[in-house]
Amino acid sequence: MKNSGELYLSAREAAAELAISPATLYAYVSRGLMRSEPTPDSRKNRYRAEDVRALKERRVPSPEPRGLRSFDADLPVMDTEISTITEEGAIYRGVNCVDLAENDTLEHTATLLWDVADVDPFAPDNQPVMSDEMCAIAEAARRAAPIDRAIAVLALATSADPRAFTRAPDGRAMVGARIVRLLVATMLNVEPSAEPLHQQVARAWAPDNKHAPDLIRRALVLLADHELNASTFTARCAASTGLNLYDSVIAGLAALKGPKHGGAGVLASQLVKTLIDRDVAPMVRERVALGERFAGFGHGVYKRGDPRAQSLLNALSRAGAPRKFTKEVPERIVEATGELVNIDYALAVLVHALRLPAGSELALFAMARSVGWIAHASEQLQFGKLIRPRARYVGPAPGRRVGGS
């Protein structure tokens, strides 16, 4: 702020400090977020500098960098205290996910995103309740895709959990941990456990790779949340109708399966498989000449590259993953297309390097992102408002008559 000792700012000064339009400034006043009062010698209003400072601190990091303004301005915009996106990576309640992924676990990331301080959601005794029906469905769907098996089992979990509908914030966090543990166990075809989640995944899918636990841990933290993406918005919409957290996570899982969202990792794995026995440069030239896109490259938000992808690829490189996939492929594709690597490609390289089961890209994504869905669904339940966007009608004008046959 120009002068921290100033008591008042003009509308122009306040808007400039917050990097917002005058209309947004007036909206903040109407919502009680800051105070305004008429100036003694004019008809204009002035604004308390301390209010502007407090609001600016709450809104950091803001405004959104110009490079991130890539989506339709008419799409819904919602207030949240959970996360935001910067060119340096996703921010989880003020903490950069890339920094967090250096040493932290998905469990601790969950307590951060869920804003939990007074209880331990991942205490050893906070295990999911498994009814006979849930066990039967899990066994019957044992050979199904992990995400489909999880949806089927979660559909019965609400009835089995007597505390599924708790309204207490700490209670919702406890439910959230049971959901995550149930989701991971169901996807792995194992019994729910208090063992760290990344170690469960590594033991089930890559037991002989010494680097697997730490690489999986890093990937799970990096993928835990990403602001208002398609699956998270779906989960929030579901929660806004009054659904419990189990059903909200089911909504997120269904949306995640799409090839333009979590399913992109599976497509990126197909690219990696194609390149295993082929030279990179000729294949890239061939696909570019045919006008084909490369799954796992380019991003609707990051214009200077996805920091999550670089974090995971660097870790894979240190762990001995082939340089062909950690360095050469990204370099060749950006040279040919200008599109930088994103987390879907990095996840595909992880699956290849650790020899994880086919389709585990989507499963890992779902395990991690369930933490974010629970955070957003809980916040939406706390808001208590129904999300009901309006549609802009562009069809025929009213009064149209339908001709008879």
Protein backbone atom coordinates (compact mmCIF):
# COMPACT_ATOMS: atom_id res chain seq x y z
CA MET A 1 0.00 0.00 0.00
CA LYS A 2 1.35 3.43 -0.92
CA ASN A 3 1.29 4.77 2.62
CA SER A 4 0.39 2.34 5.40
CA GLY A 5 -0.32 5.30 7.65
CA GLU A 6 -3.18 6.60 5.50
CA LEU A 7 -6.55 6.22 7.19
CA TYR A 8 -8.68 6.46 4.02
CA LEU A 9 -8.35 5.67 0.33
CA SER A 10 -10.37 6.92 -2.61
CA ALA A 11 -12.39 4.45 -4.69
CA ARG A 12 -9.75 4.54 -7.41
CA GLU A 13 -6.92 3.91 -4.91
CA ALA A 14 -8.77 1.09 -3.14
CA ALA A 15 -9.65 -0.63 -6.42
CA ALA A 16 -6.04 -0.33 -7.59
CA GLU A 17 -4.69 -1.83 -4.36
CA LEU A 18 -6.99 -4.83 -4.69
CA ALA A 19 -6.59 -5.07 -8.48
CA ILE A 20 -10.36 -5.11 -8.95
CA SER A 21 -12.91 -3.05 -10.82
CA PRO A 22 -14.93 -0.29 -9.11
CA ALA A 23 -18.03 -2.47 -9.49
CA THR A 24 -16.35 -5.27 -7.52
CA LEU A 25 -15.27 -2.73 -4.91
CA TYR A 26 -18.88 -1.62 -4.42
CA ALA A 27 -19.94 -5.28 -4.22
CA TYR A 28 -17.43 -5.82 -1.39
CA VAL A 29 -18.96 -2.91 0.48
CA SER A 30 -22.50 -4.22 -0.02
CA ARG A 31 -21.42 -7.62 1.34
CA GLY A 32 -19.93 -6.01 4.44
CA LEU A 33 -16.34 -6.90 3.59
CA MET A 34 -15.18 -3.29 3.88
CA ARG A 35 -16.49 0.07 5.03
CA SER A 36 -17.12 3.24 3.08
CA GLU A 37 -18.28 6.67 4.15
CA PRO A 38 -18.85 9.99 2.41
CA THR A 39 -15.98 12.44 2.28
CA PRO A 40 -16.64 15.72 4.13
CA ASP A 41 -16.07 17.99 1.14
CA SER A 42 -17.47 16.02 -1.81
CA ARG A 43 -20.19 13.61 -2.88
CA LYS A 44 -17.68 10.75 -3.31
CA ASN A 45 -17.11 7.96 -0.81
CA ARG A 46 -13.85 7.05 0.85
CA TYR A 47 -12.71 3.64 2.11
CA ARG A 48 -10.96 2.55 5.28
CA ALA A 49 -7.34 1.70 4.47
CA GLU A 50 -7.23 -0.94 7.19
CA ASP A 51 -10.18 -2.75 5.54
CA VAL A 52 -8.40 -2.71 2.20
CA ARG A 53 -5.22 -4.08 3.79
CA ALA A 54 -7.11 -6.86 5.58
CA LEU A 55 -9.01 -7.83 2.44
CA LYS A 56 -5.84 -7.79 0.35
CA GLU A 57 -4.14 -10.18 2.77
CA ARG A 58 -7.13 -12.51 2.69
CA ARG A 59 -7.16 -12.55 -1.10
CA VAL A 60 -3.46 -13.35 -1.62
CA PRO A 61 -2.43 -14.71 -4.12
CA SER A 62 -4.51 -12.35 -6.26
CA PRO A 63 -5.36 -11.11 -8.76
CA GLU A 64 -5.28 -14.06 -11.11
CA PRO A 65 -2.26 -13.71 -13.44
CA ARG A 66 -3.18 -12.71 -16.97
CA GLY A 67 -1.71 -15.95 -18.25
CA LEU A 68 -4.30 -17.89 -16.29
CA ARG A 69 -7.34 -16.10 -17.73
CA SER A 70 -8.14 -18.78 -20.27
CA PHE A 71 -11.66 -19.88 -19.44
CA ASP A 72 -15.02 -18.41 -20.36
CA ALA A 73 -15.73 -15.36 -18.23
CA ASP A 74 -19.39 -16.38 -18.04
CA LEU A 75 -18.60 -19.61 -16.19
CA PRO A 76 -19.43 -19.71 -12.47
CA VAL A 77 -16.95 -18.07 -10.09
CA MET A 78 -17.18 -19.04 -6.44
CA ASP A 79 -15.53 -17.86 -3.24
CA THR A 80 -13.42 -20.49 -1.49
CA GLU A 81 -10.80 -20.57 1.24
CA ILE A 82 -9.45 -23.94 0.12
CA SER A 83 -7.20 -23.42 -2.89
CA THR A 84 -6.25 -21.30 -5.86
CA ILE A 85 -3.96 -21.64 -8.87
CA THR A 86 -0.81 -19.66 -9.65
CA GLU A 87 1.88 -20.13 -12.28
CA GLU A 88 4.04 -21.55 -9.46
CA GLY A 89 1.49 -24.26 -8.71
CA ALA A 90 -1.74 -24.85 -6.83
CA ILE A 91 -1.96 -23.18 -3.43
CA TYR A 92 -3.52 -25.22 -0.62
CA ARG A 93 -4.74 -22.75 2.03
CA GLY A 94 -1.67 -20.59 1.45
CA VAL A 95 0.83 -23.44 0.95
CA ASN A 96 2.27 -24.23 -2.48
CA CYS A 97 1.49 -27.85 -3.40
CA VAL A 98 4.91 -28.28 -5.03
CA ASP A 99 6.64 -27.33 -1.77
CA LEU A 100 4.27 -29.52 0.21
CA ALA A 101 4.98 -32.51 -2.02
CA GLU A 102 8.68 -32.49 -1.13
CA ASN A 103 8.09 -34.23 2.19
CA ASP A 104 4.41 -34.35 3.12
CA THR A 105 1.79 -37.09 2.88
CA LEU A 106 -1.72 -37.14 1.47
CA GLU A 107 -3.07 -37.53 5.01
CA HIS A 108 -1.42 -34.34 6.21
CA THR A 109 -2.45 -32.57 3.03
CA ALA A 110 -6.02 -33.59 3.80
CA THR A 111 -5.91 -32.06 7.28
CA LEU A 112 -4.61 -28.84 5.69
CA LEU A 113 -7.29 -28.70 3.00
CA TRP A 114 -10.00 -29.69 5.48
CA ASP A 115 -8.73 -27.06 7.95
CA VAL A 116 -8.57 -29.54 10.82
CA ALA A 117 -6.69 -28.78 14.04
CA ASP A 118 -8.56 -30.30 16.98
CA VAL A 119 -8.99 -33.91 15.82
CA ASP A 120 -6.91 -36.48 13.96
CA PRO A 121 -9.07 -37.75 11.08
CA PHE A 122 -6.49 -40.42 10.23
CA ALA A 123 -6.20 -41.85 13.73
CA PRO A 124 -5.69 -45.63 13.56
CA ASP A 125 -9.15 -46.37 14.94
CA ASN A 126 -11.07 -44.18 12.45
CA GLN A 127 -11.71 -46.97 9.98
CA PRO A 128 -14.54 -47.23 7.43
CA VAL A 129 -17.51 -49.43 8.24
CA MET A 130 -17.81 -52.35 5.82
CA SER A 131 -21.30 -53.87 5.63
CA ASP A 132 -21.93 -57.35 4.25
CA GLU A 133 -23.46 -55.76 1.15
CA MET A 134 -20.39 -53.61 0.57
CA CYS A 135 -18.09 -56.62 0.90
CA ALA A 136 -20.24 -58.58 -1.53
CA ILE A 137 -20.21 -55.78 -4.11
CA ALA A 138 -16.45 -55.30 -3.74
CA GLU A 139 -15.86 -59.01 -4.32
CA ALA A 140 -18.26 -59.18 -7.26
CA ALA A 141 -16.56 -56.18 -8.89
CA ARG A 142 -13.05 -57.38 -8.12
CA ARG A 143 -12.08 -57.48 -11.80
CA ALA A 144 -13.81 -54.20 -12.69
CA ALA A 145 -11.95 -50.94 -13.20
CA PRO A 146 -10.89 -49.52 -9.81
CA ILE A 147 -12.94 -46.35 -10.19
CA ASP A 148 -16.10 -48.28 -11.15
CA ARG A 149 -15.64 -50.64 -8.19
CA ALA A 150 -15.21 -47.66 -5.89
CA ILE A 151 -18.40 -45.98 -7.11
CA ALA A 152 -20.36 -49.20 -6.53
CA VAL A 153 -19.05 -49.69 -2.98
CA LEU A 154 -19.39 -46.02 -1.99
CA ALA A 155 -23.02 -46.09 -3.10
CA LEU A 156 -23.74 -48.40 -0.13
CA ALA A 157 -21.37 -46.78 2.36
CA THR A 158 -23.70 -44.02 3.54
CA SER A 159 -26.15 -46.56 4.94
CA ALA A 160 -23.33 -48.39 6.71
CA ASP A 161 -21.84 -45.31 8.39
CA PRO A 162 -24.06 -44.08 11.24
CA ARG A 163 -22.22 -40.75 11.33
CA ALA A 164 -22.38 -40.05 7.59
CA PHE A 165 -24.70 -37.05 7.99
CA THR A 166 -22.85 -35.20 10.75
CA ARG A 167 -22.90 -31.40 10.44
CA ALA A 168 -19.97 -30.72 12.76
CA PRO A 169 -16.83 -29.62 10.88
CA ASP A 170 -14.60 -32.00 12.84
CA GLY A 171 -17.16 -34.77 12.35
CA ARG A 172 -17.12 -34.19 8.59
CA ALA A 173 -13.33 -34.45 8.63
CA MET A 174 -13.59 -37.81 10.39
CA VAL A 175 -16.11 -38.98 7.77
CA GLY A 176 -13.78 -37.68 5.07
CA ALA A 177 -10.88 -39.80 6.31
CA ARG A 178 -13.08 -42.90 6.38
CA ILE A 179 -14.12 -42.18 2.78
CA VAL A 180 -10.52 -41.80 1.62
CA ARG A 181 -9.42 -44.98 3.37
CA LEU A 182 -12.40 -46.87 1.93
CA LEU A 183 -11.77 -45.49 -1.56
CA VAL A 184 -8.08 -46.46 -1.55
CA ALA A 185 -8.72 -49.94 -0.12
CA THR A 186 -11.51 -50.62 -2.62
CA MET A 187 -9.40 -49.53 -5.57
CA LEU A 188 -6.51 -51.70 -4.40
CA ASN A 189 -8.75 -54.72 -3.64
CA VAL A 190 -7.47 -54.85 -0.05
CA GLU A 191 -8.90 -54.41 3.45
CA PRO A 192 -9.04 -50.83 4.83
CA SER A 193 -5.91 -50.01 6.81
CA ALA A 194 -4.35 -47.30 8.96
CA GLU A 195 -1.07 -47.69 7.07
CA PRO A 196 -0.01 -44.51 5.22
CA LEU A 197 -1.94 -44.33 1.97
CA HIS A 198 1.07 -44.05 -0.33
CA GLN A 199 2.62 -47.10 1.29
CA GLN A 200 -0.57 -49.09 0.77
CA VAL A 201 -0.54 -48.23 -2.93
CA ALA A 202 3.17 -49.04 -3.30
CA ARG A 203 2.82 -52.36 -1.46
CA ALA A 204 -0.14 -53.42 -3.63
CA TRP A 205 1.07 -52.23 -7.02
CA ALA A 206 4.89 -51.89 -6.89
CA PRO A 207 6.17 -53.98 -3.96
CA ASP A 208 9.65 -54.50 -5.40
CA ASN A 209 10.47 -50.90 -6.32
CA LYS A 210 12.28 -49.03 -3.56
CA HIS A 211 11.43 -45.66 -5.08
CA ALA A 212 7.70 -46.35 -5.39
CA PRO A 213 6.49 -45.18 -1.96
CA ASP A 214 8.09 -41.74 -2.21
CA LEU A 215 7.15 -41.17 -5.85
CA ILE A 216 3.54 -42.18 -5.20
CA ARG A 217 3.46 -39.98 -2.09
CA ARG A 218 4.61 -36.99 -4.15
CA ALA A 219 2.06 -37.62 -6.90
CA LEU A 220 -0.83 -37.93 -4.43
CA VAL A 221 0.02 -34.61 -2.76
CA LEU A 222 0.40 -32.80 -6.08
CA LEU A 223 -3.00 -34.07 -7.26
CA ALA A 224 -4.96 -33.51 -4.03
CA ASP A 225 -6.74 -30.37 -5.21
CA HIS A 226 -6.80 -27.95 -8.13
CA GLU A 227 -9.37 -25.31 -7.32
CA LEU A 228 -12.70 -25.46 -9.21
CA ASN A 229 -11.99 -28.09 -11.86
CA ALA A 230 -14.82 -30.06 -13.49
CA SER A 231 -14.99 -32.89 -10.96
CA THR A 232 -14.69 -30.56 -7.99
CA PHE A 233 -17.45 -28.32 -9.30
CA THR A 234 -19.58 -31.43 -9.81
CA ALA A 235 -18.91 -32.52 -6.23
CA ARG A 236 -19.80 -29.05 -4.94
CA CYS A 237 -23.03 -28.97 -6.93
CA ALA A 238 -23.97 -32.35 -5.50
CA ALA A 239 -23.18 -31.23 -1.96
CA SER A 240 -25.18 -28.04 -2.44
CA THR A 241 -28.33 -30.15 -2.79
CA GLY A 242 -27.76 -31.46 0.73
CA LEU A 243 -26.07 -34.75 -0.20
CA ASN A 244 -23.62 -36.26 2.27
CA LEU A 245 -19.88 -36.54 1.62
CA TYR A 246 -20.04 -40.14 0.34
CA ASP A 247 -22.48 -39.23 -2.43
CA SER A 248 -20.59 -36.02 -3.23
CA VAL A 249 -17.42 -38.06 -3.79
CA ILE A 250 -19.36 -40.41 -6.08
CA ALA A 251 -20.34 -37.37 -8.16
CA GLY A 252 -16.69 -36.33 -8.36
CA LEU A 253 -15.61 -39.83 -9.39
CA ALA A 254 -18.11 -39.92 -12.24
CA ALA A 255 -16.95 -36.55 -13.59
CA LEU A 256 -13.28 -37.48 -13.24
CA LYS A 257 -13.62 -40.40 -15.66
CA GLY A 258 -14.01 -38.14 -18.69
CA PRO A 259 -11.16 -38.08 -21.24
CA LYS A 260 -10.89 -34.29 -20.93
CA HIS A 261 -10.27 -34.57 -17.19
CA GLY A 262 -8.81 -37.49 -15.20
CA GLY A 263 -9.13 -39.83 -18.16
CA ALA A 264 -6.44 -37.82 -19.94
CA GLY A 265 -3.82 -39.73 -17.95
CA VAL A 266 -4.88 -42.96 -19.62
CA LEU A 267 -4.51 -41.33 -23.04
CA ALA A 268 -1.07 -40.03 -22.04
CA SER A 269 -0.09 -43.58 -21.07
CA GLN A 270 -1.00 -44.71 -24.57
CA LEU A 271 1.44 -42.11 -25.90
CA VAL A 272 4.17 -43.40 -23.59
CA LYS A 273 3.54 -47.00 -24.71
CA THR A 274 3.72 -45.93 -28.35
CA LEU A 275 7.15 -44.40 -27.75
CA ILE A 276 8.72 -47.30 -25.84
CA ASP A 277 10.24 -48.88 -28.98
CA ARG A 278 10.25 -45.87 -31.27
CA ASP A 279 12.52 -42.89 -31.77
CA VAL A 280 10.94 -39.74 -30.41
CA ALA A 281 11.69 -37.16 -33.11
CA PRO A 282 10.24 -39.07 -36.14
CA MET A 283 7.10 -40.03 -34.26
CA VAL A 284 6.52 -36.46 -33.09
CA ARG A 285 7.02 -35.13 -36.63
CA GLU A 286 4.61 -37.71 -38.01
CA ARG A 287 1.84 -36.89 -35.55
CA VAL A 288 2.28 -33.16 -35.94
CA ALA A 289 2.09 -33.52 -39.72
CA LEU A 290 -1.21 -35.41 -39.29
CA GLY A 291 -2.58 -32.69 -37.04
CA GLU A 292 -2.82 -34.99 -34.02
CA ARG A 293 -2.69 -33.73 -30.45
CA PHE A 294 -0.47 -35.10 -27.69
CA ALA A 295 -2.30 -36.20 -24.55
CA GLY A 296 -0.55 -34.87 -21.46
CA PHE A 297 0.63 -31.66 -23.11
CA GLY A 298 -0.87 -28.18 -22.94
CA HIS A 299 -3.10 -26.93 -20.17
CA GLY A 300 -6.13 -24.66 -19.99
CA VAL A 301 -4.70 -22.86 -16.95
CA TYR A 302 -0.89 -23.02 -16.97
CA LYS A 303 0.68 -21.13 -19.86
CA ARG A 304 4.29 -21.46 -18.71
CA GLY A 305 4.10 -25.16 -17.90
CA ASP A 306 2.51 -27.22 -15.14
CA PRO A 307 4.74 -27.01 -12.03
CA ARG A 308 3.22 -30.24 -10.69
CA ALA A 309 4.39 -32.11 -13.76
CA GLN A 310 7.91 -30.76 -13.49
CA SER A 311 8.10 -31.68 -9.81
CA LEU A 312 7.08 -35.27 -10.51
CA LEU A 313 9.26 -35.65 -13.62
CA ASN A 314 12.30 -34.31 -11.76
CA ALA A 315 11.71 -36.80 -8.95
CA LEU A 316 11.32 -39.62 -11.48
CA SER A 317 14.56 -38.59 -13.14
CA ARG A 318 16.40 -38.69 -9.80
CA ALA A 319 14.93 -42.14 -9.19
CA GLY A 320 16.37 -43.44 -12.46
CA ALA A 321 13.39 -43.25 -14.81
CA PRO A 322 14.41 -43.24 -18.51
CA ARG A 323 15.62 -39.83 -19.67
CA LYS A 324 13.72 -40.48 -22.90
CA PHE A 325 10.45 -39.93 -21.04
CA THR A 326 11.45 -37.43 -18.35
CA LYS A 327 13.37 -35.08 -20.67
CA GLU A 328 13.46 -35.94 -24.36
CA VAL A 329 9.76 -36.42 -25.08
CA PRO A 330 8.69 -33.17 -23.33
CA GLU A 331 11.47 -31.25 -25.11
CA ARG A 332 10.63 -32.61 -28.56
CA ILE A 333 6.90 -32.02 -28.20
CA VAL A 334 7.26 -28.45 -26.95
CA GLU A 335 9.64 -27.73 -29.84
CA ALA A 336 7.11 -29.08 -32.35
CA THR A 337 3.88 -27.76 -30.85
CA GLY A 338 4.67 -25.12 -28.25
CA GLU A 339 2.66 -27.15 -25.72
CA LEU A 340 4.32 -27.81 -22.39
CA VAL A 341 4.02 -30.97 -20.34
CA ASN A 342 1.22 -31.31 -17.79
CA ILE A 343 0.53 -33.58 -14.82
CA ASP A 344 -1.30 -36.19 -16.95
CA TYR A 345 1.88 -37.00 -18.86
CA ALA A 346 3.98 -37.03 -15.69
CA LEU A 347 1.49 -39.45 -14.13
CA ALA A 348 1.73 -41.68 -17.21
CA VAL A 349 5.53 -41.74 -16.89
CA LEU A 350 5.17 -42.65 -13.22
CA VAL A 351 2.92 -45.58 -14.12
CA HIS A 352 5.38 -46.74 -16.79
CA ALA A 353 8.48 -46.34 -14.62
CA LEU A 354 6.98 -48.22 -11.66
CA ARG A 355 5.22 -50.78 -13.90
CA LEU A 356 1.89 -50.07 -12.22
CA PRO A 357 -1.28 -51.83 -13.45
CA ALA A 358 -3.03 -50.52 -16.55
CA GLY A 359 -5.53 -47.81 -15.67
CA SER A 360 -3.83 -46.89 -12.41
CA GLU A 361 -3.31 -43.34 -13.69
CA LEU A 362 -7.00 -42.64 -13.18
CA ALA A 363 -7.11 -44.53 -9.90
CA LEU A 364 -4.20 -42.55 -8.44
CA PHE A 365 -5.83 -39.32 -9.60
CA ALA A 366 -9.10 -40.32 -7.91
CA MET A 367 -7.43 -41.34 -4.65
CA ALA A 368 -5.68 -38.00 -4.42
CA ARG A 369 -8.47 -35.75 -5.65
CA SER A 370 -11.00 -37.31 -3.27
CA VAL A 371 -9.30 -35.21 -0.57
CA GLY A 372 -10.06 -32.03 -2.51
CA TRP A 373 -13.64 -33.07 -3.24
CA ILE A 374 -14.26 -33.64 0.46
CA ALA A 375 -12.79 -30.22 1.28
CA HIS A 376 -14.99 -28.46 -1.27
CA ALA A 377 -18.12 -30.46 -0.47
CA SER A 378 -17.65 -29.70 3.24
CA GLU A 379 -17.23 -26.00 2.50
CA GLN A 380 -20.35 -26.04 0.32
CA LEU A 381 -22.36 -27.81 3.03
CA GLN A 382 -21.17 -25.16 5.46
CA PHE A 383 -22.37 -22.42 3.07
CA GLY A 384 -25.75 -24.12 2.94
CA LYS A 385 -26.70 -22.67 -0.46
CA LEU A 386 -27.87 -24.45 -3.58
CA ILE A 387 -25.66 -23.93 -6.64
CA ARG A 388 -28.09 -23.04 -9.40
CA PRO A 389 -26.47 -21.30 -12.40
CA ARG A 390 -28.80 -19.81 -14.99
CA ALA A 391 -28.74 -20.70 -18.67
CA ARG A 392 -28.52 -18.11 -21.46
CA TYR A 393 -31.24 -19.16 -23.90
CA VAL A 394 -30.09 -19.01 -27.54
CA GLY A 395 -32.87 -21.05 -29.11
CA PRO A 396 -35.82 -19.93 -31.25
CA ALA A 397 -37.76 -16.86 -30.09
CA PRO A 398 -40.86 -17.53 -27.95
CA GLY A 399 -44.09 -17.91 -29.93
CA ARG A 400 -42.75 -20.42 -32.40
CA ARG A 401 -45.43 -22.80 -33.65
CA VAL A 402 -44.80 -26.46 -34.36
CA GLY A 403 -46.41 -27.50 -37.65
CA GLY A 404 -48.79 -30.45 -37.70
CA SER A 405 -48.11 -33.57 -39.68
